[in-house]
Amino acid sequence: PTEVPIPLPQTGHAPDVAMVAMPLQVYVDGNGNSRFDKGEGVHGLQVIFRGANGSQLNSATTGTQGAGSALLPRNNRVTVYIPYLRWSGTVTATANGLLVRLPRVALPARIP
């Protein structure tokens, strides 16, 4: 039989399949079309992810287009908390990601 080597990631070990990099997008629906459009992303928001027992699993800060990512336990229910908005919700951590649509509101130009 022919052996085909399987390359390892640059870290030198196999990836942890129990974890998933969950993408997220936070935006203000400025034009009311219920979809993310360029320029609607909310930059600089801290997003905290908590497990069922309330312990913090990870956090992320949204970038210029309101996007971010967090490494979380795959297929587990996590609570997502955005402190600045005092908003929280529960989702299942998957590679499909999380889209947080905010109604048309006036946010400050810079989030503290």
PDB file of N, CA and C in Angstrom:
ATOM      1  N   PRO A   1       0.827  -1.190   0.000  1.00  0.00           N
ATOM      2  CA  PRO A   1       0.000   0.000   0.000  1.00  0.00           C
ATOM      3  C   PRO A   1       0.873   1.257   0.000  1.00  0.00           C
ATOM      4  N   THR A   2       0.324   2.324  -0.564  1.00  0.00           N
ATOM      5  CA  THR A   2       1.019   3.598  -0.621  1.00  0.00           C
ATOM      6  C   THR A   2       0.647   4.430   0.600  1.00  0.00           C
ATOM      7  N   GLU A   3       1.662   4.951   1.242  1.00  0.00           N
ATOM      8  CA  GLU A   3       1.411   5.808   2.397  1.00  0.00           C
ATOM      9  C   GLU A   3       1.458   7.267   1.966  1.00  0.00           C
ATOM     10  N   VAL A   4       0.470   8.014   2.384  1.00  0.00           N
ATOM     11  CA  VAL A   4       0.427   9.438   2.089  1.00  0.00           C
ATOM     12  C   VAL A   4       0.605  10.185   3.405  1.00  0.00           C
ATOM     13  N   PRO A   5       1.687  10.968   3.510  1.00  0.00           N
ATOM     14  CA  PRO A   5       1.870  11.693   4.772  1.00  0.00           C
ATOM     15  C   PRO A   5       0.805  12.773   4.951  1.00  0.00           C
ATOM     16  N   ILE A   6       0.352  12.917   6.163  1.00  0.00           N
ATOM     17  CA  ILE A   6      -0.628  13.957   6.490  1.00  0.00           C
ATOM     18  C   ILE A   6       0.129  15.056   7.218  1.00  0.00           C
ATOM     19  N   PRO A   7       0.234  16.241   6.594  1.00  0.00           N
ATOM     20  CA  PRO A   7       0.997  17.313   7.249  1.00  0.00           C
ATOM     21  C   PRO A   7       0.286  17.826   8.495  1.00  0.00           C
ATOM     22  N   LEU A   8       1.068  18.164   9.491  1.00  0.00           N
ATOM     23  CA  LEU A   8       0.529  18.748  10.714  1.00  0.00           C
ATOM     24  C   LEU A   8       0.480  20.263  10.568  1.00  0.00           C
ATOM     25  N   PRO A   9      -0.401  20.899  11.309  1.00  0.00           N
ATOM     26  CA  PRO A   9      -0.407  22.366  11.302  1.00  0.00           C
ATOM     27  C   PRO A   9       0.940  22.897  11.781  1.00  0.00           C
ATOM     28  N   GLN A  10       1.203  24.170  11.560  1.00  0.00           N
ATOM     29  CA  GLN A  10       2.488  24.755  11.911  1.00  0.00           C
ATOM     30  C   GLN A  10       2.783  24.699  13.398  1.00  0.00           C
ATOM     31  N   THR A  11       1.781  24.471  14.222  1.00  0.00           N
ATOM     32  CA  THR A  11       2.022  24.386  15.660  1.00  0.00           C
ATOM     33  C   THR A  11       2.737  23.099  16.023  1.00  0.00           C
ATOM     34  N   GLY A  12       2.749  22.118  15.118  1.00  0.00           N
ATOM     35  CA  GLY A  12       3.433  20.855  15.369  1.00  0.00           C
ATOM     36  C   GLY A  12       2.555  19.797  15.994  1.00  0.00           C
ATOM     37  N   HIS A  13       1.257  20.078  16.171  1.00  0.00           N
ATOM     38  CA  HIS A  13       0.356  19.066  16.707  1.00  0.00           C
ATOM     39  C   HIS A  13      -0.991  19.172  16.002  1.00  0.00           C
ATOM     40  N   ALA A  14      -1.748  18.108  16.114  1.00  0.00           N
ATOM     41  CA  ALA A  14      -3.047  18.071  15.443  1.00  0.00           C
ATOM     42  C   ALA A  14      -4.008  19.081  16.063  1.00  0.00           C
ATOM     43  N   PRO A  15      -4.916  19.645  15.248  1.00  0.00           N
ATOM     44  CA  PRO A  15      -5.877  20.599  15.805  1.00  0.00           C
ATOM     45  C   PRO A  15      -6.848  19.920  16.759  1.00  0.00           C
ATOM     46  N   ASP A  16      -7.360  20.671  17.698  1.00  0.00           N
ATOM     47  CA  ASP A  16      -8.326  20.162  18.662  1.00  0.00           C
ATOM     48  C   ASP A  16      -9.705  20.188  18.010  1.00  0.00           C
ATOM     49  N   VAL A  17     -10.218  19.006  17.634  1.00  0.00           N
ATOM     50  CA  VAL A  17     -11.501  18.941  16.931  1.00  0.00           C
ATOM     51  C   VAL A  17     -12.678  19.235  17.858  1.00  0.00           C
ATOM     52  N   ALA A  18     -12.422  19.294  19.166  1.00  0.00           N
ATOM     53  CA  ALA A  18     -13.495  19.608  20.106  1.00  0.00           C
ATOM     54  C   ALA A  18     -13.748  21.112  20.177  1.00  0.00           C
ATOM     55  N   MET A  19     -12.906  21.902  19.505  1.00  0.00           N
ATOM     56  CA  MET A  19     -13.044  23.356  19.512  1.00  0.00           C
ATOM     57  C   MET A  19     -13.393  23.835  18.097  1.00  0.00           C
ATOM     58  N   VAL A  20     -14.008  24.993  18.030  1.00  0.00           N
ATOM     59  CA  VAL A  20     -14.357  25.570  16.732  1.00  0.00           C
ATOM     60  C   VAL A  20     -14.105  27.079  16.790  1.00  0.00           C
ATOM     61  N   ALA A  21     -13.558  27.616  15.713  1.00  0.00           N
ATOM     62  CA  ALA A  21     -13.395  29.065  15.604  1.00  0.00           C
ATOM     63  C   ALA A  21     -14.724  29.612  15.089  1.00  0.00           C
ATOM     64  N   MET A  22     -15.500  30.221  15.982  1.00  0.00           N
ATOM     65  CA  MET A  22     -16.823  30.720  15.614  1.00  0.00           C
ATOM     66  C   MET A  22     -16.720  32.181  15.179  1.00  0.00           C
ATOM     67  N   PRO A  23     -17.016  32.451  13.910  1.00  0.00           N
ATOM     68  CA  PRO A  23     -17.013  33.845  13.465  1.00  0.00           C
ATOM     69  C   PRO A  23     -18.244  34.580  13.987  1.00  0.00           C
ATOM     70  N   LEU A  24     -18.117  35.891  14.126  1.00  0.00           N
ATOM     71  CA  LEU A  24     -19.262  36.685  14.547  1.00  0.00           C
ATOM     72  C   LEU A  24     -19.255  38.010  13.797  1.00  0.00           C
ATOM     73  N   GLN A  25     -20.421  38.575  13.672  1.00  0.00           N
ATOM     74  CA  GLN A  25     -20.601  39.860  12.986  1.00  0.00           C
ATOM     75  C   GLN A  25     -21.639  40.645  13.766  1.00  0.00           C
ATOM     76  N   VAL A  26     -21.302  41.886  14.156  1.00  0.00           N
ATOM     77  CA  VAL A  26     -22.245  42.764  14.853  1.00  0.00           C
ATOM     78  C   VAL A  26     -22.452  43.984  13.969  1.00  0.00           C
ATOM     79  N   TYR A  27     -23.709  44.275  13.668  1.00  0.00           N
ATOM     80  CA  TYR A  27     -23.976  45.414  12.783  1.00  0.00           C
ATOM     81  C   TYR A  27     -25.270  46.117  13.141  1.00  0.00           C
ATOM     82  N   VAL A  28     -25.349  47.378  12.745  1.00  0.00           N
ATOM     83  CA  VAL A  28     -26.570  48.168  12.878  1.00  0.00           C
ATOM     84  C   VAL A  28     -27.215  48.180  11.503  1.00  0.00           C
ATOM     85  N   ASP A  29     -28.450  47.708  11.427  1.00  0.00           N
ATOM     86  CA  ASP A  29     -29.155  47.614  10.147  1.00  0.00           C
ATOM     87  C   ASP A  29     -29.634  49.009   9.722  1.00  0.00           C
ATOM     88  N   GLY A  30     -28.699  49.798   9.219  1.00  0.00           N
ATOM     89  CA  GLY A  30     -28.964  51.195   8.895  1.00  0.00           C
ATOM     90  C   GLY A  30     -30.009  51.421   7.829  1.00  0.00           C
ATOM     91  N   ASN A  31     -30.118  50.494   6.872  1.00  0.00           N
ATOM     92  CA  ASN A  31     -31.088  50.686   5.789  1.00  0.00           C
ATOM     93  C   ASN A  31     -32.347  49.830   5.952  1.00  0.00           C
ATOM     94  N   GLY A  32     -32.435  49.079   7.055  1.00  0.00           N
ATOM     95  CA  GLY A  32     -33.646  48.318   7.365  1.00  0.00           C
ATOM     96  C   GLY A  32     -33.915  47.127   6.469  1.00  0.00           C
ATOM     97  N   ASN A  33     -32.882  46.591   5.787  1.00  0.00           N
ATOM     98  CA  ASN A  33     -33.124  45.456   4.891  1.00  0.00           C
ATOM     99  C   ASN A  33     -32.889  44.100   5.560  1.00  0.00           C
ATOM    100  N   SER A  34     -32.616  44.079   6.867  1.00  0.00           N
ATOM    101  CA  SER A  34     -32.404  42.853   7.645  1.00  0.00           C
ATOM    102  C   SER A  34     -31.211  42.032   7.174  1.00  0.00           C
ATOM    103  N   ARG A  35     -30.242  42.676   6.524  1.00  0.00           N
ATOM    104  CA  ARG A  35     -29.018  42.016   6.074  1.00  0.00           C
ATOM    105  C   ARG A  35     -27.834  42.920   6.375  1.00  0.00           C
ATOM    106  N   PHE A  36     -26.673  42.287   6.563  1.00  0.00           N
ATOM    107  CA  PHE A  36     -25.453  43.065   6.749  1.00  0.00           C
ATOM    108  C   PHE A  36     -25.013  43.625   5.412  1.00  0.00           C
ATOM    109  N   ASP A  37     -24.772  44.913   5.381  1.00  0.00           N
ATOM    110  CA  ASP A  37     -24.237  45.582   4.196  1.00  0.00           C
ATOM    111  C   ASP A  37     -22.960  46.300   4.593  1.00  0.00           C
ATOM    112  N   LYS A  38     -22.073  46.490   3.641  1.00  0.00           N
ATOM    113  CA  LYS A  38     -20.811  47.179   3.889  1.00  0.00           C
ATOM    114  C   LYS A  38     -21.082  48.522   4.581  1.00  0.00           C
ATOM    115  N   GLY A  39     -20.293  48.790   5.614  1.00  0.00           N
ATOM    116  CA  GLY A  39     -20.426  50.040   6.347  1.00  0.00           C
ATOM    117  C   GLY A  39     -21.345  49.971   7.554  1.00  0.00           C
ATOM    118  N   GLU A  40     -22.025  48.835   7.770  1.00  0.00           N
ATOM    119  CA  GLU A  40     -22.950  48.718   8.897  1.00  0.00           C
ATOM    120  C   GLU A  40     -22.315  48.057  10.128  1.00  0.00           C
ATOM    121  N   GLY A  41     -21.114  47.525  10.001  1.00  0.00           N
ATOM    122  CA  GLY A  41     -20.455  46.839  11.108  1.00  0.00           C
ATOM    123  C   GLY A  41     -20.139  47.774  12.256  1.00  0.00           C
ATOM    124  N   VAL A  42     -20.222  47.249  13.479  1.00  0.00           N
ATOM    125  CA  VAL A  42     -19.931  48.034  14.683  1.00  0.00           C
ATOM    126  C   VAL A  42     -18.522  47.672  15.155  1.00  0.00           C
ATOM    127  N   HIS A  43     -17.622  48.618  15.090  1.00  0.00           N
ATOM    128  CA  HIS A  43     -16.210  48.434  15.411  1.00  0.00           C
ATOM    129  C   HIS A  43     -15.941  48.635  16.896  1.00  0.00           C
ATOM    130  N   GLY A  44     -15.082  47.801  17.463  1.00  0.00           N
ATOM    131  CA  GLY A  44     -14.603  48.010  18.822  1.00  0.00           C
ATOM    132  C   GLY A  44     -15.461  47.474  19.947  1.00  0.00           C
ATOM    133  N   LEU A  45     -16.437  46.605  19.641  1.00  0.00           N
ATOM    134  CA  LEU A  45     -17.272  46.029  20.702  1.00  0.00           C
ATOM    135  C   LEU A  45     -16.591  44.816  21.314  1.00  0.00           C
ATOM    136  N   GLN A  46     -16.547  44.762  22.623  1.00  0.00           N
ATOM    137  CA  GLN A  46     -16.070  43.566  23.303  1.00  0.00           C
ATOM    138  C   GLN A  46     -17.234  42.580  23.366  1.00  0.00           C
ATOM    139  N   VAL A  47     -16.956  41.333  22.998  1.00  0.00           N
ATOM    140  CA  VAL A  47     -17.957  40.263  23.034  1.00  0.00           C
ATOM    141  C   VAL A  47     -17.390  39.166  23.929  1.00  0.00           C
ATOM    142  N   ILE A  48     -18.154  38.785  24.957  1.00  0.00           N
ATOM    143  CA  ILE A  48     -17.705  37.783  25.927  1.00  0.00           C
ATOM    144  C   ILE A  48     -18.549  36.523  25.754  1.00  0.00           C
ATOM    145  N   PHE A  49     -17.885  35.369  25.816  1.00  0.00           N
ATOM    146  CA  PHE A  49     -18.558  34.076  25.675  1.00  0.00           C
ATOM    147  C   PHE A  49     -18.423  33.326  26.988  1.00  0.00           C
ATOM    148  N   ARG A  50     -19.574  32.884  27.540  1.00  0.00           N
ATOM    149  CA  ARG A  50     -19.586  32.188  28.831  1.00  0.00           C
ATOM    150  C   ARG A  50     -20.192  30.797  28.671  1.00  0.00           C
ATOM    151  N   GLY A  51     -19.665  29.861  29.468  1.00  0.00           N
ATOM    152  CA  GLY A  51     -20.187  28.502  29.483  1.00  0.00           C
ATOM    153  C   GLY A  51     -21.439  28.398  30.325  1.00  0.00           C
ATOM    154  N   ALA A  52     -21.987  27.188  30.401  1.00  0.00           N
ATOM    155  CA  ALA A  52     -23.231  26.947  31.139  1.00  0.00           C
ATOM    156  C   ALA A  52     -23.101  27.306  32.618  1.00  0.00           C
ATOM    157  N   ASN A  53     -21.897  27.173  33.174  1.00  0.00           N
ATOM    158  CA  ASN A  53     -21.694  27.486  34.596  1.00  0.00           C
ATOM    159  C   ASN A  53     -21.362  28.963  34.829  1.00  0.00           C
ATOM    160  N   GLY A  54     -21.363  29.768  33.756  1.00  0.00           N
ATOM    161  CA  GLY A  54     -21.108  31.200  33.877  1.00  0.00           C
ATOM    162  C   GLY A  54     -19.652  31.609  33.737  1.00  0.00           C
ATOM    163  N   SER A  55     -18.752  30.625  33.648  1.00  0.00           N
ATOM    164  CA  SER A  55     -17.332  30.965  33.520  1.00  0.00           C
ATOM    165  C   SER A  55     -17.034  31.477  32.107  1.00  0.00           C
ATOM    166  N   GLN A  56     -16.107  32.422  32.010  1.00  0.00           N
ATOM    167  CA  GLN A  56     -15.753  32.985  30.711  1.00  0.00           C
ATOM    168  C   GLN A  56     -14.932  31.985  29.922  1.00  0.00           C
ATOM    169  N   LEU A  57     -15.376  31.684  28.694  1.00  0.00           N
ATOM    170  CA  LEU A  57     -14.670  30.753  27.820  1.00  0.00           C
ATOM    171  C   LEU A  57     -13.684  31.487  26.916  1.00  0.00           C
ATOM    172  N   ASN A  58     -14.080  32.663  26.453  1.00  0.00           N
ATOM    173  CA  ASN A  58     -13.252  33.426  25.533  1.00  0.00           C
ATOM    174  C   ASN A  58     -13.877  34.808  25.366  1.00  0.00           C
ATOM    175  N   SER A  59     -13.186  35.669  24.649  1.00  0.00           N
ATOM    176  CA  SER A  59     -13.741  36.975  24.309  1.00  0.00           C
ATOM    177  C   SER A  59     -13.157  37.403  22.976  1.00  0.00           C
ATOM    178  N   ALA A  60     -13.790  38.386  22.367  1.00  0.00           N
ATOM    179  CA  ALA A  60     -13.322  38.928  21.094  1.00  0.00           C
ATOM    180  C   ALA A  60     -13.704  40.397  21.045  1.00  0.00           C
ATOM    181  N   THR A  61     -13.011  41.146  20.229  1.00  0.00           N
ATOM    182  CA  THR A  61     -13.349  42.535  19.982  1.00  0.00           C
ATOM    183  C   THR A  61     -13.594  42.687  18.494  1.00  0.00           C
ATOM    184  N   THR A  62     -14.707  43.307  18.129  1.00  0.00           N
ATOM    185  CA  THR A  62     -15.036  43.427  16.714  1.00  0.00           C
ATOM    186  C   THR A  62     -14.075  44.375  16.007  1.00  0.00           C
ATOM    187  N   GLY A  63     -13.776  44.043  14.753  1.00  0.00           N
ATOM    188  CA  GLY A  63     -12.880  44.842  13.935  1.00  0.00           C
ATOM    189  C   GLY A  63     -13.623  45.926  13.178  1.00  0.00           C
ATOM    190  N   THR A  64     -12.979  46.489  12.177  1.00  0.00           N
ATOM    191  CA  THR A  64     -13.517  47.651  11.463  1.00  0.00           C
ATOM    192  C   THR A  64     -14.860  47.388  10.793  1.00  0.00           C
ATOM    193  N   GLN A  65     -15.128  46.169  10.373  1.00  0.00           N
ATOM    194  CA  GLN A  65     -16.419  45.848   9.747  1.00  0.00           C
ATOM    195  C   GLN A  65     -17.361  45.136  10.721  1.00  0.00           C
ATOM    196  N   GLY A  66     -17.034  45.181  12.019  1.00  0.00           N
ATOM    197  CA  GLY A  66     -17.899  44.560  13.021  1.00  0.00           C
ATOM    198  C   GLY A  66     -17.708  43.068  13.151  1.00  0.00           C
ATOM    199  N   ALA A  67     -16.627  42.538  12.564  1.00  0.00           N
ATOM    200  CA  ALA A  67     -16.395  41.097  12.572  1.00  0.00           C
ATOM    201  C   ALA A  67     -15.372  40.707  13.629  1.00  0.00           C
ATOM    202  N   GLY A  68     -15.476  39.476  14.081  1.00  0.00           N
ATOM    203  CA  GLY A  68     -14.535  38.912  15.032  1.00  0.00           C
ATOM    204  C   GLY A  68     -14.639  37.398  14.995  1.00  0.00           C
ATOM    205  N   SER A  69     -13.909  36.732  15.873  1.00  0.00           N
ATOM    206  CA  SER A  69     -13.929  35.279  15.936  1.00  0.00           C
ATOM    207  C   SER A  69     -13.480  34.855  17.328  1.00  0.00           C
ATOM    208  N   ALA A  70     -13.999  33.721  17.789  1.00  0.00           N
ATOM    209  CA  ALA A  70     -13.608  33.198  19.100  1.00  0.00           C
ATOM    210  C   ALA A  70     -13.526  31.679  19.032  1.00  0.00           C
ATOM    211  N   LEU A  71     -12.517  31.124  19.667  1.00  0.00           N
ATOM    212  CA  LEU A  71     -12.338  29.681  19.748  1.00  0.00           C
ATOM    213  C   LEU A  71     -13.172  29.176  20.918  1.00  0.00           C
ATOM    214  N   LEU A  72     -14.141  28.299  20.609  1.00  0.00           N
ATOM    215  CA  LEU A  72     -15.108  27.838  21.611  1.00  0.00           C
ATOM    216  C   LEU A  72     -15.315  26.327  21.508  1.00  0.00           C
ATOM    217  N   PRO A  73     -15.831  25.706  22.584  1.00  0.00           N
ATOM    218  CA  PRO A  73     -16.130  24.273  22.525  1.00  0.00           C
ATOM    219  C   PRO A  73     -17.216  23.993  21.480  1.00  0.00           C
ATOM    220  N   ARG A  74     -16.900  23.144  20.533  1.00  0.00           N
ATOM    221  CA  ARG A  74     -17.800  22.840  19.408  1.00  0.00           C
ATOM    222  C   ARG A  74     -19.146  22.295  19.881  1.00  0.00           C
ATOM    223  N   ASN A  75     -20.217  22.819  19.284  1.00  0.00           N
ATOM    224  CA  ASN A  75     -21.597  22.374  19.498  1.00  0.00           C
ATOM    225  C   ASN A  75     -22.094  22.534  20.940  1.00  0.00           C
ATOM    226  N   ASN A  76     -21.437  23.351  21.740  1.00  0.00           N
ATOM    227  CA  ASN A  76     -21.906  23.628  23.095  1.00  0.00           C
ATOM    228  C   ASN A  76     -22.721  24.907  23.098  1.00  0.00           C
ATOM    229  N   ARG A  77     -23.685  24.971  24.003  1.00  0.00           N
ATOM    230  CA  ARG A  77     -24.456  26.200  24.191  1.00  0.00           C
ATOM    231  C   ARG A  77     -23.590  27.190  24.963  1.00  0.00           C
ATOM    232  N   VAL A  78     -23.475  28.389  24.448  1.00  0.00           N
ATOM    233  CA  VAL A  78     -22.713  29.436  25.130  1.00  0.00           C
ATOM    234  C   VAL A  78     -23.565  30.690  25.215  1.00  0.00           C
ATOM    235  N   THR A  79     -23.326  31.455  26.267  1.00  0.00           N
ATOM    236  CA  THR A  79     -23.989  32.749  26.405  1.00  0.00           C
ATOM    237  C   THR A  79     -23.056  33.800  25.830  1.00  0.00           C
ATOM    238  N   VAL A  80     -23.601  34.626  24.959  1.00  0.00           N
ATOM    239  CA  VAL A  80     -22.855  35.708  24.334  1.00  0.00           C
ATOM    240  C   VAL A  80     -23.283  36.992  25.040  1.00  0.00           C
ATOM    241  N   TYR A  81     -22.301  37.763  25.500  1.00  0.00           N
ATOM    242  CA  TYR A  81     -22.603  38.991  26.223  1.00  0.00           C
ATOM    243  C   TYR A  81     -21.803  40.140  25.611  1.00  0.00           C
ATOM    244  N   ILE A  82     -22.496  41.232  25.262  1.00  0.00           N
ATOM    245  CA  ILE A  82     -21.854  42.440  24.756  1.00  0.00           C
ATOM    246  C   ILE A  82     -22.066  43.514  25.826  1.00  0.00           C
ATOM    247  N   PRO A  83     -21.058  43.728  26.691  1.00  0.00           N
ATOM    248  CA  PRO A  83     -21.231  44.632  27.827  1.00  0.00           C
ATOM    249  C   PRO A  83     -21.674  46.042  27.439  1.00  0.00           C
ATOM    250  N   TYR A  84     -21.081  46.621  26.427  1.00  0.00           N
ATOM    251  CA  TYR A  84     -21.402  48.004  26.071  1.00  0.00           C
ATOM    252  C   TYR A  84     -22.884  48.172  25.738  1.00  0.00           C
ATOM    253  N   LEU A  85     -23.471  47.166  25.111  1.00  0.00           N
ATOM    254  CA  LEU A  85     -24.884  47.227  24.724  1.00  0.00           C
ATOM    255  C   LEU A  85     -25.799  46.628  25.786  1.00  0.00           C
ATOM    256  N   ARG A  86     -25.208  46.027  26.828  1.00  0.00           N
ATOM    257  CA  ARG A  86     -25.971  45.305  27.847  1.00  0.00           C
ATOM    258  C   ARG A  86     -26.893  44.270  27.197  1.00  0.00           C
ATOM    259  N   TRP A  87     -26.351  43.571  26.210  1.00  0.00           N
ATOM    260  CA  TRP A  87     -27.110  42.578  25.445  1.00  0.00           C
ATOM    261  C   TRP A  87     -26.508  41.204  25.678  1.00  0.00           C
ATOM    262  N   SER A  88     -27.367  40.198  25.812  1.00  0.00           N
ATOM    263  CA  SER A  88     -26.878  38.825  25.885  1.00  0.00           C
ATOM    264  C   SER A  88     -27.855  37.902  25.175  1.00  0.00           C
ATOM    265  N   GLY A  89     -27.340  36.777  24.755  1.00  0.00           N
ATOM    266  CA  GLY A  89     -28.146  35.762  24.094  1.00  0.00           C
ATOM    267  C   GLY A  89     -27.423  34.436  24.189  1.00  0.00           C
ATOM    268  N   THR A  90     -28.135  33.352  23.946  1.00  0.00           N
ATOM    269  CA  THR A  90     -27.548  32.023  24.006  1.00  0.00           C
ATOM    270  C   THR A  90     -27.540  31.416  22.609  1.00  0.00           C
ATOM    271  N   VAL A  91     -26.383  30.859  22.232  1.00  0.00           N
ATOM    272  CA  VAL A  91     -26.228  30.251  20.909  1.00  0.00           C
ATOM    273  C   VAL A  91     -25.460  28.948  21.044  1.00  0.00           C
ATOM    274  N   THR A  92     -25.476  28.156  19.982  1.00  0.00           N
ATOM    275  CA  THR A  92     -24.641  26.966  19.905  1.00  0.00           C
ATOM    276  C   THR A  92     -23.397  27.323  19.120  1.00  0.00           C
ATOM    277  N   ALA A  93     -22.229  26.990  19.653  1.00  0.00           N
ATOM    278  CA  ALA A  93     -20.957  27.323  19.011  1.00  0.00           C
ATOM    279  C   ALA A  93     -20.721  26.415  17.806  1.00  0.00           C
ATOM    280  N   THR A  94     -20.802  26.986  16.615  1.00  0.00           N
ATOM    281  CA  THR A  94     -20.523  26.260  15.377  1.00  0.00           C
ATOM    282  C   THR A  94     -19.717  27.154  14.442  1.00  0.00           C
ATOM    283  N   ALA A  95     -19.187  26.557  13.383  1.00  0.00           N
ATOM    284  CA  ALA A  95     -18.429  27.314  12.389  1.00  0.00           C
ATOM    285  C   ALA A  95     -19.351  28.183  11.530  1.00  0.00           C
ATOM    286  N   ASN A  96     -20.680  27.989  11.661  1.00  0.00           N
ATOM    287  CA  ASN A  96     -21.627  28.809  10.902  1.00  0.00           C
ATOM    288  C   ASN A  96     -21.621  30.247  11.390  1.00  0.00           C
ATOM    289  N   GLY A  97     -21.246  30.450  12.641  1.00  0.00           N
ATOM    290  CA  GLY A  97     -21.078  31.789  13.158  1.00  0.00           C
ATOM    291  C   GLY A  97     -22.310  32.391  13.795  1.00  0.00           C
ATOM    292  N   LEU A  98     -22.153  33.645  14.182  1.00  0.00           N
ATOM    293  CA  LEU A  98     -23.166  34.399  14.903  1.00  0.00           C
ATOM    294  C   LEU A  98     -23.315  35.751  14.243  1.00  0.00           C
ATOM    295  N   LEU A  99     -24.541  36.116  13.937  1.00  0.00           N
ATOM    296  CA  LEU A  99     -24.844  37.411  13.338  1.00  0.00           C
ATOM    297  C   LEU A  99     -25.739  38.168  14.307  1.00  0.00           C
ATOM    298  N   VAL A 100     -25.263  39.321  14.807  1.00  0.00           N
ATOM    299  CA  VAL A 100     -26.039  40.133  15.748  1.00  0.00           C
ATOM    300  C   VAL A 100     -26.491  41.381  15.006  1.00  0.00           C
ATOM    301  N   ARG A 101     -27.794  41.437  14.720  1.00  0.00           N
ATOM    302  CA  ARG A 101     -28.354  42.593  14.007  1.00  0.00           C
ATOM    303  C   ARG A 101     -29.000  43.522  15.013  1.00  0.00           C
ATOM    304  N   LEU A 102     -28.540  44.754  15.022  1.00  0.00           N
ATOM    305  CA  LEU A 102     -29.104  45.766  15.915  1.00  0.00           C
ATOM    306  C   LEU A 102     -30.043  46.656  15.114  1.00  0.00           C
ATOM    307  N   PRO A 103     -31.109  47.138  15.735  1.00  0.00           N
ATOM    308  CA  PRO A 103     -32.019  48.042  15.022  1.00  0.00           C
ATOM    309  C   PRO A 103     -31.304  49.356  14.715  1.00  0.00           C
ATOM    310  N   ARG A 104     -31.920  50.147  13.853  1.00  0.00           N
ATOM    311  CA  ARG A 104     -31.332  51.448  13.507  1.00  0.00           C
ATOM    312  C   ARG A 104     -31.280  52.316  14.757  1.00  0.00           C
ATOM    313  N   VAL A 105     -30.076  52.481  15.257  1.00  0.00           N
ATOM    314  CA  VAL A 105     -29.840  53.329  16.430  1.00  0.00           C
ATOM    315  C   VAL A 105     -28.610  54.181  16.153  1.00  0.00           C
ATOM    316  N   ALA A 106     -28.508  55.269  16.848  1.00  0.00           N
ATOM    317  CA  ALA A 106     -27.324  56.113  16.734  1.00  0.00           C
ATOM    318  C   ALA A 106     -26.305  55.664  17.777  1.00  0.00           C
ATOM    319  N   LEU A 107     -25.190  55.142  17.314  1.00  0.00           N
ATOM    320  CA  LEU A 107     -24.103  54.765  18.220  1.00  0.00           C
ATOM    321  C   LEU A 107     -23.040  55.850  18.159  1.00  0.00           C
ATOM    322  N   PRO A 108     -22.277  56.005  19.220  1.00  0.00           N
ATOM    323  CA  PRO A 108     -21.196  57.000  19.166  1.00  0.00           C
ATOM    324  C   PRO A 108     -20.156  56.597  18.125  1.00  0.00           C
ATOM    325  N   ALA A 109     -19.428  57.559  17.620  1.00  0.00           N
ATOM    326  CA  ALA A 109     -18.411  57.278  16.601  1.00  0.00           C
ATOM    327  C   ALA A 109     -17.321  56.379  17.135  1.00  0.00           C
ATOM    328  N   ARG A 110     -17.065  56.452  18.439  1.00  0.00           N
ATOM    329  CA  ARG A 110     -16.031  55.627  19.060  1.00  0.00           C
ATOM    330  C   ARG A 110     -16.607  54.969  20.294  1.00  0.00           C
ATOM    331  N   ILE A 111     -16.465  53.647  20.350  1.00  0.00           N
ATOM    332  CA  ILE A 111     -16.969  52.898  21.504  1.00  0.00           C
ATOM    333  C   ILE A 111     -15.847  52.797  22.528  1.00  0.00           C
ATOM    334  N   PRO A 112     -16.138  53.152  23.785  1.00  0.00           N
ATOM    335  CA  PRO A 112     -15.083  53.158  24.803  1.00  0.00           C
ATOM    336  C   PRO A 112     -14.546  51.763  25.079  1.00  0.00           C
TER     337      PRO A 112
END
